[in-house]
């Protein structure tokens, strides 16, 4: 069992949650239960799955949850892109969020590789 708060990828994804929630507050009311809600859930799923996986008994289980977090990161990436393209998010807000998400995806991939190497 690992303290998830020690993972830099968790720290950055937690901050991303705060930033995305702040950004989606500005979405049109008609999207409150649409893209805004789905984007919030997707981005929240990243640090949540890192935390849950860290509490599991084996490294193999942690890797499984990191893959789920990665999938959520890819979903959030598209939702940020479509939010920008639909003008729900200004490009000056969307692009830094997308760039940070790209870094988080790389960090997750690297962590998965590192843990998988230690398992075998």
N, C-alpha and C. Protein backbone atom coordinates (compact mmCIF):
# COMPACT_ATOMS: atom_id res chain seq x y z
N UNK A 1 0.85 -1.18 0.00
CA UNK A 1 0.00 0.00 0.00
C UNK A 1 0.90 1.24 0.00
N UNK A 2 0.59 2.19 -0.87
CA UNK A 2 1.40 3.38 -1.07
C UNK A 2 0.54 4.61 -0.75
N UNK A 3 1.17 5.65 -0.20
CA UNK A 3 0.44 6.90 0.04
C UNK A 3 0.33 7.64 -1.29
N UNK A 4 -0.86 7.65 -1.86
CA UNK A 4 -1.08 8.24 -3.17
C UNK A 4 -0.69 9.71 -3.23
N UNK A 5 -0.73 10.41 -2.12
CA UNK A 5 -0.40 11.85 -2.10
C UNK A 5 1.07 12.10 -2.42
N UNK A 6 1.89 11.06 -2.31
CA UNK A 6 3.31 11.20 -2.63
C UNK A 6 3.59 11.16 -4.13
N UNK A 7 2.65 10.67 -4.90
CA UNK A 7 2.83 10.61 -6.35
C UNK A 7 2.64 12.00 -6.95
N UNK A 8 3.65 12.48 -7.67
CA UNK A 8 3.55 13.78 -8.33
C UNK A 8 2.39 13.78 -9.33
N UNK A 9 2.16 12.65 -9.99
CA UNK A 9 1.06 12.57 -10.95
C UNK A 9 -0.29 12.75 -10.24
N UNK A 10 -0.41 12.25 -9.02
CA UNK A 10 -1.65 12.48 -8.26
C UNK A 10 -1.77 13.96 -7.91
N UNK A 11 -0.68 14.56 -7.44
CA UNK A 11 -0.70 15.98 -7.06
C UNK A 11 -1.11 16.86 -8.23
N UNK A 12 -0.55 16.59 -9.39
CA UNK A 12 -0.87 17.39 -10.57
C UNK A 12 -2.29 17.14 -11.07
N UNK A 13 -2.73 15.89 -11.00
CA UNK A 13 -4.09 15.60 -11.44
C UNK A 13 -5.12 16.16 -10.46
N UNK A 14 -4.78 16.22 -9.19
CA UNK A 14 -5.67 16.85 -8.21
C UNK A 14 -5.80 18.35 -8.52
N UNK A 15 -4.70 19.00 -8.82
CA UNK A 15 -4.75 20.42 -9.18
C UNK A 15 -5.54 20.62 -10.47
N UNK A 16 -5.40 19.69 -11.40
CA UNK A 16 -6.17 19.77 -12.65
C UNK A 16 -7.66 19.71 -12.36
N UNK A 17 -8.07 18.86 -11.43
CA UNK A 17 -9.49 18.79 -11.05
C UNK A 17 -9.96 20.17 -10.59
N UNK A 18 -9.20 20.79 -9.72
CA UNK A 18 -9.58 22.12 -9.22
C UNK A 18 -9.69 23.13 -10.36
N UNK A 19 -8.74 23.08 -11.28
CA UNK A 19 -8.73 24.02 -12.40
C UNK A 19 -9.90 23.77 -13.37
N UNK A 20 -10.19 22.51 -13.65
CA UNK A 20 -11.28 22.19 -14.57
C UNK A 20 -12.63 22.54 -13.95
N UNK A 21 -12.81 22.22 -12.68
CA UNK A 21 -14.07 22.59 -12.03
C UNK A 21 -14.28 24.09 -12.09
N UNK A 22 -13.22 24.85 -11.89
CA UNK A 22 -13.32 26.30 -11.98
C UNK A 22 -13.70 26.73 -13.39
N UNK A 23 -13.10 26.10 -14.39
CA UNK A 23 -13.36 26.46 -15.79
C UNK A 23 -14.78 26.09 -16.21
N UNK A 24 -15.29 24.95 -15.74
CA UNK A 24 -16.63 24.53 -16.18
C UNK A 24 -17.75 25.33 -15.53
N UNK A 25 -17.42 26.07 -14.49
CA UNK A 25 -18.43 26.96 -13.89
C UNK A 25 -18.92 28.01 -14.89
N UNK A 26 -18.09 28.29 -15.88
CA UNK A 26 -18.41 29.31 -16.87
C UNK A 26 -19.14 28.75 -18.09
N UNK A 27 -19.39 27.44 -18.12
CA UNK A 27 -20.11 26.83 -19.23
C UNK A 27 -21.56 27.34 -19.24
N UNK A 28 -22.19 27.29 -20.42
CA UNK A 28 -23.61 27.68 -20.48
C UNK A 28 -24.45 26.77 -19.57
N UNK A 29 -25.50 27.33 -19.01
CA UNK A 29 -26.40 26.56 -18.13
C UNK A 29 -26.92 25.31 -18.83
N UNK A 30 -27.13 25.41 -20.14
CA UNK A 30 -27.66 24.27 -20.90
C UNK A 30 -26.68 23.09 -20.90
N UNK A 31 -25.43 23.32 -20.57
CA UNK A 31 -24.42 22.26 -20.55
C UNK A 31 -24.07 21.79 -19.14
N UNK A 32 -24.78 22.29 -18.16
CA UNK A 32 -24.51 21.92 -16.77
C UNK A 32 -24.56 20.41 -16.56
N UNK A 33 -25.51 19.74 -17.21
CA UNK A 33 -25.63 18.30 -17.07
C UNK A 33 -25.14 17.56 -18.31
N UNK A 34 -24.48 18.27 -19.21
CA UNK A 34 -23.95 17.69 -20.43
C UNK A 34 -22.44 17.58 -20.34
N UNK A 35 -21.78 18.29 -21.24
CA UNK A 35 -20.32 18.21 -21.34
C UNK A 35 -19.64 18.63 -20.04
N UNK A 36 -20.15 19.67 -19.38
CA UNK A 36 -19.51 20.14 -18.14
C UNK A 36 -19.49 19.03 -17.09
N UNK A 37 -20.60 18.37 -16.92
CA UNK A 37 -20.69 17.29 -15.94
C UNK A 37 -19.79 16.12 -16.33
N UNK A 38 -19.80 15.75 -17.59
CA UNK A 38 -18.97 14.63 -18.03
C UNK A 38 -17.49 14.95 -17.91
N UNK A 39 -17.11 16.19 -18.25
CA UNK A 39 -15.72 16.60 -18.13
C UNK A 39 -15.29 16.58 -16.67
N UNK A 40 -16.12 17.10 -15.79
CA UNK A 40 -15.79 17.09 -14.36
C UNK A 40 -15.61 15.66 -13.85
N UNK A 41 -16.50 14.77 -14.25
CA UNK A 41 -16.40 13.38 -13.80
C UNK A 41 -15.14 12.71 -14.35
N UNK A 42 -14.83 12.96 -15.61
CA UNK A 42 -13.65 12.34 -16.23
C UNK A 42 -12.37 12.80 -15.55
N UNK A 43 -12.26 14.09 -15.33
CA UNK A 43 -11.03 14.61 -14.73
C UNK A 43 -10.93 14.20 -13.26
N UNK A 44 -12.05 14.11 -12.56
CA UNK A 44 -12.05 13.67 -11.17
C UNK A 44 -11.65 12.20 -11.05
N UNK A 45 -11.95 11.43 -12.07
CA UNK A 45 -11.64 10.01 -12.08
C UNK A 45 -10.13 9.74 -12.10
N UNK A 46 -9.35 10.68 -12.58
CA UNK A 46 -7.89 10.46 -12.68
C UNK A 46 -7.27 10.32 -11.28
N UNK A 47 -7.32 11.36 -10.43
CA UNK A 47 -6.70 11.19 -9.11
C UNK A 47 -7.46 10.20 -8.23
N UNK A 48 -8.76 10.03 -8.46
CA UNK A 48 -9.54 9.08 -7.68
C UNK A 48 -9.04 7.66 -7.91
N UNK A 49 -8.78 7.31 -9.17
CA UNK A 49 -8.30 5.95 -9.46
C UNK A 49 -6.86 5.74 -9.01
N UNK A 50 -6.06 6.79 -9.04
CA UNK A 50 -4.71 6.68 -8.50
C UNK A 50 -4.79 6.39 -7.00
N UNK A 51 -5.66 7.11 -6.31
CA UNK A 51 -5.83 6.91 -4.87
C UNK A 51 -6.36 5.51 -4.57
N UNK A 52 -7.39 5.09 -5.30
CA UNK A 52 -7.96 3.77 -5.05
C UNK A 52 -6.95 2.66 -5.33
N UNK A 53 -6.25 2.77 -6.43
CA UNK A 53 -5.25 1.75 -6.77
C UNK A 53 -4.13 1.68 -5.75
N UNK A 54 -3.78 2.81 -5.17
CA UNK A 54 -2.72 2.85 -4.17
C UNK A 54 -3.11 2.11 -2.89
N UNK A 55 -4.40 1.98 -2.68
CA UNK A 55 -4.87 1.29 -1.49
C UNK A 55 -5.07 -0.20 -1.68
N UNK A 56 -4.80 -0.69 -2.85
CA UNK A 56 -4.97 -2.12 -3.13
C UNK A 56 -3.77 -2.91 -2.62
N UNK A 57 -3.92 -4.22 -2.58
CA UNK A 57 -2.90 -5.07 -1.97
C UNK A 57 -1.69 -5.32 -2.85
N UNK A 58 -1.88 -5.30 -4.17
CA UNK A 58 -0.75 -5.68 -5.04
C UNK A 58 -0.44 -4.57 -6.04
N UNK A 59 0.77 -4.62 -6.54
CA UNK A 59 1.21 -3.69 -7.58
C UNK A 59 0.41 -3.91 -8.86
N UNK A 60 0.06 -5.17 -9.11
CA UNK A 60 -0.72 -5.50 -10.31
C UNK A 60 -2.08 -4.78 -10.26
N UNK A 61 -2.70 -4.74 -9.09
CA UNK A 61 -3.97 -4.03 -8.95
C UNK A 61 -3.78 -2.53 -9.13
N UNK A 62 -2.68 -2.00 -8.59
CA UNK A 62 -2.39 -0.58 -8.77
C UNK A 62 -2.28 -0.25 -10.26
N UNK A 63 -1.58 -1.08 -11.01
CA UNK A 63 -1.42 -0.85 -12.45
C UNK A 63 -2.78 -0.83 -13.13
N UNK A 64 -3.68 -1.73 -12.74
CA UNK A 64 -5.01 -1.76 -13.34
C UNK A 64 -5.73 -0.43 -13.12
N UNK A 65 -5.64 0.12 -11.92
CA UNK A 65 -6.29 1.40 -11.65
C UNK A 65 -5.59 2.56 -12.35
N UNK A 66 -4.28 2.46 -12.54
CA UNK A 66 -3.56 3.49 -13.29
C UNK A 66 -4.00 3.49 -14.75
N UNK A 67 -4.28 2.30 -15.29
CA UNK A 67 -4.81 2.22 -16.66
C UNK A 67 -6.19 2.88 -16.74
N UNK A 68 -7.00 2.68 -15.73
CA UNK A 68 -8.33 3.33 -15.70
C UNK A 68 -8.15 4.85 -15.63
N UNK A 69 -7.22 5.31 -14.80
CA UNK A 69 -6.94 6.75 -14.71
C UNK A 69 -6.49 7.29 -16.06
N UNK A 70 -5.66 6.53 -16.76
CA UNK A 70 -5.19 6.93 -18.08
C UNK A 70 -6.34 7.03 -19.07
N UNK A 71 -7.25 6.08 -19.02
CA UNK A 71 -8.42 6.14 -19.89
C UNK A 71 -9.25 7.37 -19.61
N UNK A 72 -9.41 7.71 -18.34
CA UNK A 72 -10.16 8.91 -17.97
C UNK A 72 -9.43 10.17 -18.46
N UNK A 73 -8.11 10.14 -18.41
CA UNK A 73 -7.33 11.29 -18.90
C UNK A 73 -7.54 11.48 -20.40
N UNK A 74 -7.60 10.39 -21.14
CA UNK A 74 -7.85 10.49 -22.58
C UNK A 74 -9.26 11.00 -22.85
N UNK A 75 -10.22 10.54 -22.07
CA UNK A 75 -11.59 11.04 -22.21
C UNK A 75 -11.64 12.54 -21.92
N UNK A 76 -11.01 12.97 -20.84
CA UNK A 76 -11.00 14.38 -20.48
C UNK A 76 -10.32 15.22 -21.55
N UNK A 77 -9.28 14.67 -22.17
CA UNK A 77 -8.57 15.37 -23.24
C UNK A 77 -9.54 15.71 -24.38
N UNK A 78 -10.31 14.72 -24.80
CA UNK A 78 -11.28 14.99 -25.87
C UNK A 78 -12.35 15.98 -25.41
N UNK A 79 -12.83 15.83 -24.20
CA UNK A 79 -13.88 16.73 -23.72
C UNK A 79 -13.39 18.18 -23.62
N UNK A 80 -12.13 18.37 -23.28
CA UNK A 80 -11.57 19.72 -23.29
C UNK A 80 -11.48 20.26 -24.71
N UNK A 81 -11.06 19.40 -25.63
CA UNK A 81 -10.97 19.80 -27.04
C UNK A 81 -12.33 20.22 -27.59
N UNK A 82 -13.34 19.39 -27.37
CA UNK A 82 -14.67 19.72 -27.89
C UNK A 82 -15.25 20.94 -27.18
N UNK A 83 -14.93 21.12 -25.92
CA UNK A 83 -15.39 22.31 -25.19
C UNK A 83 -14.80 23.58 -25.79
N UNK A 84 -13.53 23.48 -26.18
CA UNK A 84 -12.88 24.61 -26.85
C UNK A 84 -13.50 24.86 -28.21
N UNK A 85 -13.70 23.78 -28.97
CA UNK A 85 -14.24 23.92 -30.32
C UNK A 85 -15.68 24.43 -30.34
N UNK A 86 -16.42 24.14 -29.28
CA UNK A 86 -17.80 24.64 -29.16
C UNK A 86 -17.86 26.02 -28.49
N UNK A 87 -16.69 26.57 -28.21
CA UNK A 87 -16.56 27.89 -27.57
C UNK A 87 -17.15 27.94 -26.17
N UNK A 88 -17.17 26.79 -25.48
CA UNK A 88 -17.55 26.78 -24.07
C UNK A 88 -16.35 27.21 -23.22
N UNK A 89 -15.16 26.94 -23.75
CA UNK A 89 -13.91 27.34 -23.10
C UNK A 89 -13.11 28.19 -24.06
N UNK A 90 -12.63 29.30 -23.58
CA UNK A 90 -11.73 30.13 -24.38
C UNK A 90 -10.42 29.37 -24.55
N UNK A 91 -9.80 29.57 -25.70
CA UNK A 91 -8.54 28.89 -26.00
C UNK A 91 -7.46 29.17 -24.95
N UNK A 92 -7.46 30.37 -24.38
CA UNK A 92 -6.45 30.72 -23.36
C UNK A 92 -6.64 29.93 -22.07
N UNK A 93 -7.82 29.41 -21.86
CA UNK A 93 -8.09 28.55 -20.70
C UNK A 93 -7.91 27.09 -21.09
N UNK A 94 -8.43 26.71 -22.25
CA UNK A 94 -8.43 25.30 -22.67
C UNK A 94 -7.03 24.77 -22.94
N UNK A 95 -6.20 25.52 -23.65
CA UNK A 95 -4.90 25.00 -24.06
C UNK A 95 -3.98 24.67 -22.88
N UNK A 96 -3.89 25.52 -21.85
CA UNK A 96 -3.07 25.12 -20.70
C UNK A 96 -3.60 23.86 -20.00
N UNK A 97 -4.92 23.71 -19.95
CA UNK A 97 -5.51 22.51 -19.35
C UNK A 97 -5.18 21.28 -20.18
N UNK A 98 -5.28 21.41 -21.50
CA UNK A 98 -4.95 20.30 -22.39
C UNK A 98 -3.47 19.95 -22.29
N UNK A 99 -2.61 20.97 -22.23
CA UNK A 99 -1.17 20.72 -22.09
C UNK A 99 -0.85 20.01 -20.77
N UNK A 100 -1.49 20.43 -19.69
CA UNK A 100 -1.26 19.78 -18.40
C UNK A 100 -1.76 18.34 -18.44
N UNK A 101 -2.88 18.12 -19.08
CA UNK A 101 -3.42 16.77 -19.21
C UNK A 101 -2.47 15.88 -20.02
N UNK A 102 -1.87 16.43 -21.07
CA UNK A 102 -0.87 15.68 -21.84
C UNK A 102 0.30 15.24 -20.96
N UNK A 103 0.74 16.12 -20.09
CA UNK A 103 1.83 15.78 -19.18
C UNK A 103 1.40 14.69 -18.20
N UNK A 104 0.19 14.79 -17.70
CA UNK A 104 -0.33 13.79 -16.77
C UNK A 104 -0.43 12.43 -17.46
N UNK A 105 -0.88 12.41 -18.72
CA UNK A 105 -0.95 11.15 -19.45
C UNK A 105 0.44 10.53 -19.60
N UNK A 106 1.45 11.35 -19.89
CA UNK A 106 2.83 10.85 -20.00
C UNK A 106 3.32 10.30 -18.66
N UNK A 107 3.00 11.02 -17.59
CA UNK A 107 3.42 10.58 -16.27
C UNK A 107 2.77 9.26 -15.88
N UNK A 108 1.48 9.11 -16.21
CA UNK A 108 0.80 7.85 -15.93
C UNK A 108 1.43 6.70 -16.71
N UNK A 109 1.71 6.93 -17.98
CA UNK A 109 2.32 5.89 -18.82
C UNK A 109 3.68 5.49 -18.25
N UNK A 110 4.45 6.46 -17.82
CA UNK A 110 5.77 6.19 -17.26
C UNK A 110 5.66 5.41 -15.94
N UNK A 111 4.73 5.80 -15.10
CA UNK A 111 4.53 5.11 -13.83
C UNK A 111 4.08 3.67 -14.06
N UNK A 112 3.19 3.48 -15.00
CA UNK A 112 2.73 2.13 -15.34
C UNK A 112 3.90 1.27 -15.79
N UNK A 113 4.73 1.82 -16.69
CA UNK A 113 5.90 1.07 -17.18
C UNK A 113 6.84 0.70 -16.03
N UNK A 114 7.10 1.68 -15.15
CA UNK A 114 8.01 1.44 -14.03
C UNK A 114 7.49 0.35 -13.11
N UNK A 115 6.22 0.41 -12.79
CA UNK A 115 5.65 -0.59 -11.88
C UNK A 115 5.61 -1.96 -12.55
N UNK A 116 5.26 -1.99 -13.83
CA UNK A 116 5.21 -3.28 -14.53
C UNK A 116 6.58 -3.94 -14.57
N UNK A 117 7.64 -3.13 -14.74
CA UNK A 117 9.00 -3.68 -14.75
C UNK A 117 9.34 -4.30 -13.38
N UNK A 118 8.87 -3.66 -12.32
CA UNK A 118 9.18 -4.16 -10.97
C UNK A 118 8.41 -5.42 -10.64
N UNK A 119 7.30 -5.65 -11.34
CA UNK A 119 6.48 -6.84 -11.09
C UNK A 119 7.12 -8.07 -11.73
N UNK A 120 7.67 -7.87 -12.93
CA UNK A 120 8.22 -9.03 -13.67
C UNK A 120 9.65 -9.33 -13.34
